[in-house]
Amino acid sequence: MAQLKCPNCSREFVRRISRTGLVERLISLVYIYPFKCQICGFRFRMSQWGVRYVRVDEDHREYSRTQVKFPLTFHDNDLNGKGTALNISMGGCSFTTLSQVTMGMILQLGLQIADDVPPVGVDAAMVRYVSGESVGVEFLRWREGERERLQLFVRGLLIGHQS
């Protein structure tokens, strides 16, 4: 089967995502499924004649996460903290920290993806998961131009992972 490409950015980093609504459930009967680009976030439907997907309930993410290890900083009104990123996607990341973080907090993040460049700034990331020192966040709002910087970084990771 040919590799799917995003109709928006023409990249091959596309992931099949969950169907939403009655229309998508019906058209999947004729092998038309929803997909999302892992780089630009574009959601689209495409025909894959003869392919049936098995529903997997464990992971509801629309983006694949890639293993990383780099420092990050975070803060909100009452908390300043540091951590180490463990994995990342365009939709969020997980990291370890010794700071007390709670579910539902909205944090500002600085992702130090490389030593020689300023951190990628995320204006709002919601804490979705906390277990011991491990924290998972969903990116909600970006500083001007920062989403594009993260896209380049994640694209490099995905290309390296594919090789």
C-alpha atoms as a PDB file:
ATOM      1  CA  MET A   1       0.000   0.000   0.000  1.00  0.00           C
ATOM      2  CA  ALA A   2       1.302   3.469  -0.892  1.00  0.00           C
ATOM      3  CA  GLN A   3       2.314   5.832   1.928  1.00  0.00           C
ATOM      4  CA  LEU A   4      -0.394   8.412   2.615  1.00  0.00           C
ATOM      5  CA  LYS A   5       0.517  12.085   2.268  1.00  0.00           C
ATOM      6  CA  CYS A   6      -1.122  15.082   3.903  1.00  0.00           C
ATOM      7  CA  PRO A   7      -3.107  17.067   1.293  1.00  0.00           C
ATOM      8  CA  ASN A   8      -2.234  20.269   3.179  1.00  0.00           C
ATOM      9  CA  CYS A   9       1.583  20.036   3.556  1.00  0.00           C
ATOM     10  CA  SER A  10       2.404  16.987   1.339  1.00  0.00           C
ATOM     11  CA  ARG A  11       4.326  15.227   4.121  1.00  0.00           C
ATOM     12  CA  GLU A  12       4.091  11.489   4.797  1.00  0.00           C
ATOM     13  CA  PHE A  13       3.647  11.685   8.569  1.00  0.00           C
ATOM     14  CA  VAL A  14      -0.043  10.827   8.677  1.00  0.00           C
ATOM     15  CA  ARG A  15      -1.874   8.859  11.357  1.00  0.00           C
ATOM     16  CA  ARG A  16      -5.317   7.255  11.214  1.00  0.00           C
ATOM     17  CA  ILE A  17      -7.512   8.773  13.946  1.00  0.00           C
ATOM     18  CA  SER A  18     -10.832   7.904  15.553  1.00  0.00           C
ATOM     19  CA  ARG A  19     -14.031   8.412  13.638  1.00  0.00           C
ATOM     20  CA  THR A  20     -16.340  11.116  14.952  1.00  0.00           C
ATOM     21  CA  GLY A  21     -20.033  11.255  14.242  1.00  0.00           C
ATOM     22  CA  LEU A  22     -22.464   9.207  12.239  1.00  0.00           C
ATOM     23  CA  VAL A  23     -21.194  10.357   8.834  1.00  0.00           C
ATOM     24  CA  GLU A  24     -17.664   9.076   9.460  1.00  0.00           C
ATOM     25  CA  ARG A  25     -18.987   5.791  10.783  1.00  0.00           C
ATOM     26  CA  LEU A  26     -21.136   5.324   7.693  1.00  0.00           C
ATOM     27  CA  ILE A  27     -18.481   6.258   5.132  1.00  0.00           C
ATOM     28  CA  SER A  28     -15.990   3.930   6.830  1.00  0.00           C
ATOM     29  CA  LEU A  29     -18.238   1.107   5.601  1.00  0.00           C
ATOM     30  CA  VAL A  30     -16.976   2.001   2.113  1.00  0.00           C
ATOM     31  CA  TYR A  31     -13.345   2.286   3.312  1.00  0.00           C
ATOM     32  CA  ILE A  32     -13.118   6.075   3.780  1.00  0.00           C
ATOM     33  CA  TYR A  33     -11.317   6.898   7.022  1.00  0.00           C
ATOM     34  CA  PRO A  34     -10.209  10.025   8.944  1.00  0.00           C
ATOM     35  CA  PHE A  35      -6.497  10.881   9.193  1.00  0.00           C
ATOM     36  CA  LYS A  36      -4.436  13.628  10.808  1.00  0.00           C
ATOM     37  CA  CYS A  37      -1.053  14.994   9.776  1.00  0.00           C
ATOM     38  CA  GLN A  38       1.499  14.675  12.587  1.00  0.00           C
ATOM     39  CA  ILE A  39       3.288  17.819  11.414  1.00  0.00           C
ATOM     40  CA  CYS A  40       0.694  20.442  10.436  1.00  0.00           C
ATOM     41  CA  GLY A  41      -2.302  18.974  12.298  1.00  0.00           C
ATOM     42  CA  PHE A  42      -4.551  18.934   9.205  1.00  0.00           C
ATOM     43  CA  ARG A  43      -7.471  16.502   9.548  1.00  0.00           C
ATOM     44  CA  PHE A  44      -8.766  14.854   6.379  1.00  0.00           C
ATOM     45  CA  ARG A  45     -10.524  11.757   5.056  1.00  0.00           C
ATOM     46  CA  MET A  46      -9.112   9.363   2.496  1.00  0.00           C
ATOM     47  CA  SER A  47     -10.187   6.173   0.802  1.00  0.00           C
ATOM     48  CA  GLN A  48      -8.255   2.994   1.544  1.00  0.00           C
ATOM     49  CA  TRP A  49     -10.096   0.390  -0.460  1.00  0.00           C
ATOM     50  CA  GLY A  50     -10.176  -3.012   1.217  1.00  0.00           C
ATOM     51  CA  VAL A  51      -8.474  -1.888   4.453  1.00  0.00           C
ATOM     52  CA  ARG A  52     -10.273  -2.457   7.753  1.00  0.00           C
ATOM     53  CA  TYR A  53      -8.973  -0.862  10.944  1.00  0.00           C
ATOM     54  CA  VAL A  54      -9.301  -2.559  14.317  1.00  0.00           C
ATOM     55  CA  ARG A  55     -10.351  -0.234  17.116  1.00  0.00           C
ATOM     56  CA  VAL A  56      -7.677   0.185  19.800  1.00  0.00           C
ATOM     57  CA  ASP A  57      -8.933   1.847  22.989  1.00  0.00           C
ATOM     58  CA  GLU A  58      -5.695   2.212  24.951  1.00  0.00           C
ATOM     59  CA  ASP A  59      -4.406   5.406  23.324  1.00  0.00           C
ATOM     60  CA  HIS A  60      -6.734   8.213  22.267  1.00  0.00           C
ATOM     61  CA  ARG A  61      -3.976  10.553  21.064  1.00  0.00           C
ATOM     62  CA  GLU A  62      -4.280  11.978  17.575  1.00  0.00           C
ATOM     63  CA  TYR A  63      -0.506  12.487  17.363  1.00  0.00           C
ATOM     64  CA  SER A  64       2.245   9.896  17.703  1.00  0.00           C
ATOM     65  CA  ARG A  65       4.757  10.727  20.397  1.00  0.00           C
ATOM     66  CA  THR A  66       8.497  10.400  19.829  1.00  0.00           C
ATOM     67  CA  GLN A  67      11.063   9.658  22.546  1.00  0.00           C
ATOM     68  CA  VAL A  68      13.263  12.654  23.468  1.00  0.00           C
ATOM     69  CA  LYS A  69      15.409  13.865  26.331  1.00  0.00           C
ATOM     70  CA  PHE A  70      15.893  17.602  26.796  1.00  0.00           C
ATOM     71  CA  PRO A  71      15.372  20.104  29.620  1.00  0.00           C
ATOM     72  CA  LEU A  72      12.274  22.209  29.956  1.00  0.00           C
ATOM     73  CA  THR A  73      11.002  24.886  32.279  1.00  0.00           C
ATOM     74  CA  PHE A  74       7.437  25.646  33.308  1.00  0.00           C
ATOM     75  CA  HIS A  75       5.525  28.104  35.406  1.00  0.00           C
ATOM     76  CA  ASP A  76       2.099  29.356  36.340  1.00  0.00           C
ATOM     77  CA  ASN A  77       1.077  32.092  38.778  1.00  0.00           C
ATOM     78  CA  ASP A  78       2.320  30.207  41.861  1.00  0.00           C
ATOM     79  CA  LEU A  79       4.902  27.733  40.577  1.00  0.00           C
ATOM     80  CA  ASN A  80       8.269  27.763  38.788  1.00  0.00           C
ATOM     81  CA  GLY A  81       9.709  24.392  37.888  1.00  0.00           C
ATOM     82  CA  LYS A  82      12.181  22.444  35.792  1.00  0.00           C
ATOM     83  CA  GLY A  83      11.917  19.048  34.218  1.00  0.00           C
ATOM     84  CA  THR A  84      13.167  16.685  31.546  1.00  0.00           C
ATOM     85  CA  ALA A  85      11.035  15.961  28.471  1.00  0.00           C
ATOM     86  CA  LEU A  86      10.552  12.245  27.813  1.00  0.00           C
ATOM     87  CA  ASN A  87       8.446  12.287  24.651  1.00  0.00           C
ATOM     88  CA  ILE A  88       6.854  14.891  22.409  1.00  0.00           C
ATOM     89  CA  SER A  89       4.380  15.412  19.589  1.00  0.00           C
ATOM     90  CA  MET A  90       2.647  18.411  18.076  1.00  0.00           C
ATOM     91  CA  GLY A  91      -0.202  17.818  20.527  1.00  0.00           C
ATOM     92  CA  GLY A  92       1.717  17.619  23.790  1.00  0.00           C
ATOM     93  CA  CYS A  93       4.561  16.073  25.727  1.00  0.00           C
ATOM     94  CA  SER A  94       5.398  14.225  28.896  1.00  0.00           C
ATOM     95  CA  PHE A  95       8.169  15.076  31.307  1.00  0.00           C
ATOM     96  CA  THR A  96       9.549  14.300  34.720  1.00  0.00           C
ATOM     97  CA  THR A  97       9.811  16.873  37.485  1.00  0.00           C
ATOM     98  CA  LEU A  98      10.268  17.098  41.229  1.00  0.00           C
ATOM     99  CA  SER A  99       7.814  20.042  41.414  1.00  0.00           C
ATOM    100  CA  GLN A 100       4.257  19.535  42.660  1.00  0.00           C
ATOM    101  CA  VAL A 101       2.058  19.671  39.551  1.00  0.00           C
ATOM    102  CA  THR A 102      -1.654  18.851  39.631  1.00  0.00           C
ATOM    103  CA  MET A 103      -4.176  17.779  37.014  1.00  0.00           C
ATOM    104  CA  GLY A 104      -5.900  20.665  35.256  1.00  0.00           C
ATOM    105  CA  MET A 105      -3.122  23.215  35.834  1.00  0.00           C
ATOM    106  CA  ILE A 106      -2.374  25.544  32.927  1.00  0.00           C
ATOM    107  CA  LEU A 107       1.385  25.961  32.526  1.00  0.00           C
ATOM    108  CA  GLN A 108       3.641  28.050  30.335  1.00  0.00           C
ATOM    109  CA  LEU A 109       6.495  25.941  28.969  1.00  0.00           C
ATOM    110  CA  GLY A 110       9.973  26.577  27.621  1.00  0.00           C
ATOM    111  CA  LEU A 111      11.182  23.568  25.619  1.00  0.00           C
ATOM    112  CA  GLN A 112      14.986  23.603  25.296  1.00  0.00           C
ATOM    113  CA  ILE A 113      15.081  21.434  22.151  1.00  0.00           C
ATOM    114  CA  ALA A 114      18.726  22.342  21.387  1.00  0.00           C
ATOM    115  CA  ASP A 115      21.592  23.969  23.266  1.00  0.00           C
ATOM    116  CA  ASP A 116      22.285  26.661  20.690  1.00  0.00           C
ATOM    117  CA  VAL A 117      18.749  28.068  20.238  1.00  0.00           C
ATOM    118  CA  PRO A 118      16.268  29.792  22.564  1.00  0.00           C
ATOM    119  CA  PRO A 119      13.590  27.530  24.101  1.00  0.00           C
ATOM    120  CA  VAL A 120      10.383  26.921  22.151  1.00  0.00           C
ATOM    121  CA  GLY A 121       7.668  28.794  24.056  1.00  0.00           C
ATOM    122  CA  VAL A 122       4.245  27.323  24.735  1.00  0.00           C
ATOM    123  CA  ASP A 123       1.887  29.928  26.240  1.00  0.00           C
ATOM    124  CA  ALA A 124      -0.629  27.405  27.566  1.00  0.00           C
ATOM    125  CA  ALA A 125      -0.322  23.670  28.215  1.00  0.00           C
ATOM    126  CA  MET A 126      -2.913  21.814  30.290  1.00  0.00           C
ATOM    127  CA  VAL A 127      -1.778  19.090  32.661  1.00  0.00           C
ATOM    128  CA  ARG A 128      -3.707  15.963  31.638  1.00  0.00           C
ATOM    129  CA  TYR A 129      -1.794  13.307  33.566  1.00  0.00           C
ATOM    130  CA  VAL A 130       0.239  13.149  36.780  1.00  0.00           C
ATOM    131  CA  SER A 131       1.772  10.016  38.272  1.00  0.00           C
ATOM    132  CA  GLY A 132       4.602  10.440  40.750  1.00  0.00           C
ATOM    133  CA  GLU A 133       7.278  12.507  39.009  1.00  0.00           C
ATOM    134  CA  SER A 134       5.757  11.957  35.535  1.00  0.00           C
ATOM    135  CA  VAL A 135       3.536  14.658  33.978  1.00  0.00           C
ATOM    136  CA  GLY A 136       1.687  14.719  30.650  1.00  0.00           C
ATOM    137  CA  VAL A 137       0.514  17.983  29.074  1.00  0.00           C
ATOM    138  CA  GLU A 138      -1.570  18.963  26.078  1.00  0.00           C
ATOM    139  CA  PHE A 139      -0.426  22.045  24.153  1.00  0.00           C
ATOM    140  CA  LEU A 140      -3.259  24.599  23.934  1.00  0.00           C
ATOM    141  CA  ARG A 141      -1.760  27.937  22.844  1.00  0.00           C
ATOM    142  CA  TRP A 142       1.553  28.955  21.286  1.00  0.00           C
ATOM    143  CA  ARG A 143       3.680  32.062  21.273  1.00  0.00           C
ATOM    144  CA  GLU A 144       3.950  33.748  17.862  1.00  0.00           C
ATOM    145  CA  GLY A 145       6.021  31.593  15.473  1.00  0.00           C
ATOM    146  CA  GLU A 146       6.789  28.908  18.060  1.00  0.00           C
ATOM    147  CA  ARG A 147       4.482  26.229  16.666  1.00  0.00           C
ATOM    148  CA  GLU A 148       6.449  26.347  13.403  1.00  0.00           C
ATOM    149  CA  ARG A 149       9.726  25.900  15.304  1.00  0.00           C
ATOM    150  CA  LEU A 150       8.333  22.841  17.057  1.00  0.00           C
ATOM    151  CA  GLN A 151       7.037  21.487  13.727  1.00  0.00           C
ATOM    152  CA  LEU A 152      10.563  21.575  12.297  1.00  0.00           C
ATOM    153  CA  PHE A 153      11.936  19.809  15.367  1.00  0.00           C
ATOM    154  CA  VAL A 154       9.226  17.109  15.407  1.00  0.00           C
ATOM    155  CA  ARG A 155       9.578  16.613  11.647  1.00  0.00           C
ATOM    156  CA  GLY A 156      13.309  15.974  12.143  1.00  0.00           C
ATOM    157  CA  LEU A 157      12.528  13.455  14.881  1.00  0.00           C
ATOM    158  CA  LEU A 158       9.969  11.653  12.711  1.00  0.00           C
ATOM    159  CA  ILE A 159      12.345  11.528   9.733  1.00  0.00           C
ATOM    160  CA  GLY A 160      15.117  10.168  11.980  1.00  0.00           C
ATOM    161  CA  HIS A 161      12.728   7.624  13.510  1.00  0.00           C
ATOM    162  CA  GLN A 162      11.634   6.454  10.047  1.00  0.00           C
ATOM    163  CA  SER A 163      15.217   5.755   8.888  1.00  0.00           C
END
